[in-house]
């Protein structure tokens, strides 16, 4: 729909379904890169969540 290859809803009775499989894995991958770059630059700090 966002790319214009499929049409969107044409009535209020239609529903769209989004299954964001893998987004958690993508978040972890990006966070790992950001964390590594911060360590290289001496930025940030560590803390306990518990």
PDB file of N, CA and C in Angstrom:
ATOM      1  N   UNK A   1       0.836  -1.187   0.000  1.00  0.00           N
ATOM      2  CA  UNK A   1       0.000   0.000   0.000  1.00  0.00           C
ATOM      3  C   UNK A   1       0.877   1.246   0.000  1.00  0.00           C
ATOM      4  N   UNK A   2       1.886   1.268   0.878  1.00  0.00           N
ATOM      5  CA  UNK A   2       2.743   2.451   0.983  1.00  0.00           C
ATOM      6  C   UNK A   2       3.521   2.699  -0.301  1.00  0.00           C
ATOM      7  N   UNK A   3       3.870   1.634  -1.011  1.00  0.00           N
ATOM      8  CA  UNK A   3       4.633   1.771  -2.251  1.00  0.00           C
ATOM      9  C   UNK A   3       3.732   2.024  -3.456  1.00  0.00           C
ATOM     10  N   UNK A   4       2.424   1.966  -3.243  1.00  0.00           N
ATOM     11  CA  UNK A   4       1.496   2.210  -4.333  1.00  0.00           C
ATOM     12  C   UNK A   4       1.241   1.002  -5.219  1.00  0.00           C
ATOM     13  N   UNK A   5       1.700  -0.166  -4.809  1.00  0.00           N
ATOM     14  CA  UNK A   5       1.513  -1.378  -5.619  1.00  0.00           C
ATOM     15  C   UNK A   5       0.173  -2.057  -5.353  1.00  0.00           C
ATOM     16  N   UNK A   6      -0.406  -1.765  -4.199  1.00  0.00           N
ATOM     17  CA  UNK A   6      -1.712  -2.318  -3.838  1.00  0.00           C
ATOM     18  C   UNK A   6      -2.612  -1.172  -3.416  1.00  0.00           C
ATOM     19  N   UNK A   7      -3.904  -1.339  -3.623  1.00  0.00           N
ATOM     20  CA  UNK A   7      -4.839  -0.285  -3.234  1.00  0.00           C
ATOM     21  C   UNK A   7      -5.120  -0.358  -1.745  1.00  0.00           C
ATOM     22  N   UNK A   8      -5.516   0.732  -1.180  1.00  0.00           N
ATOM     23  CA  UNK A   8      -5.900   0.770   0.227  1.00  0.00           C
ATOM     24  C   UNK A   8      -7.359   0.378   0.384  1.00  0.00           C
ATOM     25  N   UNK A   9      -7.915   0.656   1.546  1.00  0.00           N
ATOM     26  CA  UNK A   9      -9.320   0.332   1.788  1.00  0.00           C
ATOM     27  C   UNK A   9     -10.211   1.188   0.899  1.00  0.00           C
ATOM     28  N   UNK A  10     -11.305   0.596   0.463  1.00  0.00           N
ATOM     29  CA  UNK A  10     -12.277   1.360  -0.321  1.00  0.00           C
ATOM     30  C   UNK A  10     -13.576   1.561   0.448  1.00  0.00           C
ATOM     31  N   UNK A  11     -13.682   0.946   1.643  1.00  0.00           N
ATOM     32  CA  UNK A  11     -14.848   1.161   2.502  1.00  0.00           C
ATOM     33  C   UNK A  11     -14.433   0.988   3.958  1.00  0.00           C
ATOM     34  N   UNK A  12     -15.264   1.502   4.863  1.00  0.00           N
ATOM     35  CA  UNK A  12     -14.989   1.381   6.297  1.00  0.00           C
ATOM     36  C   UNK A  12     -15.112  -0.053   6.795  1.00  0.00           C
ATOM     37  N   UNK A  13     -15.743  -0.925   6.016  1.00  0.00           N
ATOM     38  CA  UNK A  13     -15.916  -2.321   6.423  1.00  0.00           C
ATOM     39  C   UNK A  13     -14.665  -3.158   6.163  1.00  0.00           C
ATOM     40  N   UNK A  14     -13.778  -2.681   5.319  1.00  0.00           N
ATOM     41  CA  UNK A  14     -12.543  -3.409   5.033  1.00  0.00           C
ATOM     42  C   UNK A  14     -11.545  -3.197   6.164  1.00  0.00           C
ATOM     43  N   UNK A  15     -10.689  -4.197   6.371  1.00  0.00           N
ATOM     44  CA  UNK A  15      -9.663  -4.122   7.404  1.00  0.00           C
ATOM     45  C   UNK A  15      -8.302  -4.392   6.783  1.00  0.00           C
ATOM     46  N   UNK A  16      -7.279  -3.782   7.357  1.00  0.00           N
ATOM     47  CA  UNK A  16      -5.902  -4.046   6.959  1.00  0.00           C
ATOM     48  C   UNK A  16      -5.220  -4.769   8.105  1.00  0.00           C
ATOM     49  N   UNK A  17      -4.332  -5.688   7.780  1.00  0.00           N
ATOM     50  CA  UNK A  17      -3.614  -6.447   8.793  1.00  0.00           C
ATOM     51  C   UNK A  17      -2.126  -6.251   8.590  1.00  0.00           C
ATOM     52  N   UNK A  18      -1.435  -5.893   9.653  1.00  0.00           N
ATOM     53  CA  UNK A  18       0.013  -5.721   9.612  1.00  0.00           C
ATOM     54  C   UNK A  18       0.632  -6.717  10.578  1.00  0.00           C
ATOM     55  N   UNK A  19       1.555  -7.536  10.086  1.00  0.00           N
ATOM     56  CA  UNK A  19       2.240  -8.503  10.935  1.00  0.00           C
ATOM     57  C   UNK A  19       3.718  -8.128  10.946  1.00  0.00           C
ATOM     58  N   UNK A  20       4.151  -7.372  11.961  1.00  0.00           N
ATOM     59  CA  UNK A  20       5.535  -6.882  11.998  1.00  0.00           C
ATOM     60  C   UNK A  20       6.526  -7.927  12.527  1.00  0.00           C
ATOM     61  N   UNK A  21       6.609  -9.051  11.848  1.00  0.00           N
ATOM     62  CA  UNK A  21       7.523 -10.121  12.257  1.00  0.00           C
ATOM     63  C   UNK A  21       8.958  -9.671  12.017  1.00  0.00           C
ATOM     64  N   UNK A  22       9.797  -9.883  13.009  1.00  0.00           N
ATOM     65  CA  UNK A  22      11.210  -9.578  12.858  1.00  0.00           C
ATOM     66  C   UNK A  22      11.609  -8.183  13.297  1.00  0.00           C
ATOM     67  N   UNK A  23      10.666  -7.343  13.644  1.00  0.00           N
ATOM     68  CA  UNK A  23      11.051  -5.986  14.026  1.00  0.00           C
ATOM     69  C   UNK A  23      11.823  -5.968  15.337  1.00  0.00           C
ATOM     70  N   UNK A  24      11.529  -6.895  16.236  1.00  0.00           N
ATOM     71  CA  UNK A  24      12.294  -6.982  17.477  1.00  0.00           C
ATOM     72  C   UNK A  24      13.746  -7.316  17.205  1.00  0.00           C
ATOM     73  N   UNK A  25      13.967  -8.231  16.272  1.00  0.00           N
ATOM     74  CA  UNK A  25      15.334  -8.598  15.898  1.00  0.00           C
ATOM     75  C   UNK A  25      16.055  -7.409  15.276  1.00  0.00           C
ATOM     76  N   UNK A  26      15.350  -6.629  14.489  1.00  0.00           N
ATOM     77  CA  UNK A  26      15.945  -5.447  13.871  1.00  0.00           C
ATOM     78  C   UNK A  26      16.311  -4.422  14.943  1.00  0.00           C
ATOM     79  N   UNK A  27      15.444  -4.243  15.928  1.00  0.00           N
ATOM     80  CA  UNK A  27      15.738  -3.315  17.031  1.00  0.00           C
ATOM     81  C   UNK A  27      17.009  -3.718  17.763  1.00  0.00           C
ATOM     82  N   UNK A  28      17.150  -5.010  18.040  1.00  0.00           N
ATOM     83  CA  UNK A  28      18.338  -5.497  18.746  1.00  0.00           C
ATOM     84  C   UNK A  28      19.583  -5.291  17.897  1.00  0.00           C
ATOM     85  N   UNK A  29      19.482  -5.553  16.601  1.00  0.00           N
ATOM     86  CA  UNK A  29      20.636  -5.379  15.712  1.00  0.00           C
ATOM     87  C   UNK A  29      21.082  -3.922  15.668  1.00  0.00           C
ATOM     88  N   UNK A  30      20.142  -3.012  15.520  1.00  0.00           N
ATOM     89  CA  UNK A  30      20.473  -1.586  15.463  1.00  0.00           C
ATOM     90  C   UNK A  30      21.017  -1.114  16.811  1.00  0.00           C
ATOM     91  N   UNK A  31      20.405  -1.559  17.904  1.00  0.00           N
ATOM     92  CA  UNK A  31      20.879  -1.164  19.232  1.00  0.00           C
ATOM     93  C   UNK A  31      22.306  -1.638  19.472  1.00  0.00           C
ATOM     94  N   UNK A  32      22.639  -2.817  18.978  1.00  0.00           N
ATOM     95  CA  UNK A  32      23.998  -3.339  19.132  1.00  0.00           C
ATOM     96  C   UNK A  32      25.006  -2.450  18.427  1.00  0.00           C
ATOM     97  N   UNK A  33      24.690  -2.018  17.226  1.00  0.00           N
ATOM     98  CA  UNK A  33      25.584  -1.139  16.465  1.00  0.00           C
ATOM     99  C   UNK A  33      25.732   0.210  17.167  1.00  0.00           C
ATOM    100  N   UNK A  34      24.621   0.770  17.607  1.00  0.00           N
ATOM    101  CA  UNK A  34      24.660   2.061  18.303  1.00  0.00           C
ATOM    102  C   UNK A  34      25.493   1.943  19.578  1.00  0.00           C
ATOM    103  N   UNK A  35      25.306   0.865  20.318  1.00  0.00           N
ATOM    104  CA  UNK A  35      26.057   0.646  21.555  1.00  0.00           C
ATOM    105  C   UNK A  35      27.551   0.531  21.272  1.00  0.00           C
ATOM    106  N   UNK A  36      27.919  -0.240  20.255  1.00  0.00           N
ATOM    107  CA  UNK A  36      29.335  -0.402  19.908  1.00  0.00           C
ATOM    108  C   UNK A  36      29.967   0.927  19.514  1.00  0.00           C
ATOM    109  N   UNK A  37      29.261   1.722  18.746  1.00  0.00           N
ATOM    110  CA  UNK A  37      29.794   3.028  18.334  1.00  0.00           C
ATOM    111  C   UNK A  37      29.932   3.973  19.524  1.00  0.00           C
ATOM    112  N   UNK A  38      28.985   3.908  20.450  1.00  0.00           N
ATOM    113  CA  UNK A  38      29.074   4.741  21.651  1.00  0.00           C
ATOM    114  C   UNK A  38      30.287   4.348  22.484  1.00  0.00           C
ATOM    115  N   UNK A  39      30.537   3.042  22.620  1.00  0.00           N
ATOM    116  CA  UNK A  39      31.711   2.586  23.362  1.00  0.00           C
ATOM    117  C   UNK A  39      32.998   3.080  22.711  1.00  0.00           C
ATOM    118  N   UNK A  40      33.061   3.005  21.377  1.00  0.00           N
ATOM    119  CA  UNK A  40      34.248   3.459  20.648  1.00  0.00           C
ATOM    120  C   UNK A  40      34.521   4.943  20.890  1.00  0.00           C
ATOM    121  N   UNK A  41      33.464   5.729  21.059  1.00  0.00           N
ATOM    122  CA  UNK A  41      33.607   7.176  21.248  1.00  0.00           C
ATOM    123  C   UNK A  41      33.646   7.574  22.719  1.00  0.00           C
ATOM    124  N   UNK A  42      33.561   6.595  23.603  1.00  0.00           N
ATOM    125  CA  UNK A  42      33.582   6.892  25.031  1.00  0.00           C
ATOM    126  C   UNK A  42      32.326   7.576  25.528  1.00  0.00           C
ATOM    127  N   UNK A  43      31.218   7.322  24.879  1.00  0.00           N
ATOM    128  CA  UNK A  43      29.953   7.961  25.246  1.00  0.00           C
ATOM    129  C   UNK A  43      29.092   7.035  26.094  1.00  0.00           C
ATOM    130  N   UNK A  44      28.185   7.616  26.838  1.00  0.00           N
ATOM    131  CA  UNK A  44      27.215   6.838  27.600  1.00  0.00           C
ATOM    132  C   UNK A  44      27.775   6.287  28.887  1.00  0.00           C
ATOM    133  N   UNK A  45      26.995   5.469  29.513  1.00  0.00           N
ATOM    134  CA  UNK A  45      27.390   4.847  30.768  1.00  0.00           C
ATOM    135  C   UNK A  45      26.576   3.596  31.008  1.00  0.00           C
ATOM    136  N   UNK A  46      27.029   2.779  31.931  1.00  0.00           N
ATOM    137  CA  UNK A  46      26.324   1.542  32.255  1.00  0.00           C
ATOM    138  C   UNK A  46      25.497   1.741  33.515  1.00  0.00           C
ATOM    139  N   UNK A  47      24.376   1.045  33.594  1.00  0.00           N
ATOM    140  CA  UNK A  47      23.541   1.051  34.790  1.00  0.00           C
ATOM    141  C   UNK A  47      22.786  -0.269  34.866  1.00  0.00           C
ATOM    142  N   UNK A  48      22.347  -0.626  36.067  1.00  0.00           N
ATOM    143  CA  UNK A  48      21.590  -1.858  36.276  1.00  0.00           C
ATOM    144  C   UNK A  48      20.103  -1.580  36.131  1.00  0.00           C
ATOM    145  N   UNK A  49      19.405  -2.441  35.418  1.00  0.00           N
ATOM    146  CA  UNK A  49      17.956  -2.312  35.278  1.00  0.00           C
ATOM    147  C   UNK A  49      17.231  -2.813  36.522  1.00  0.00           C
ATOM    148  N   UNK A  50      17.874  -3.710  37.243  1.00  0.00           N
ATOM    149  CA  UNK A  50      17.225  -4.327  38.405  1.00  0.00           C
ATOM    150  C   UNK A  50      17.763  -3.740  39.677  1.00  0.00           C
TER     151      UNK A  50
END
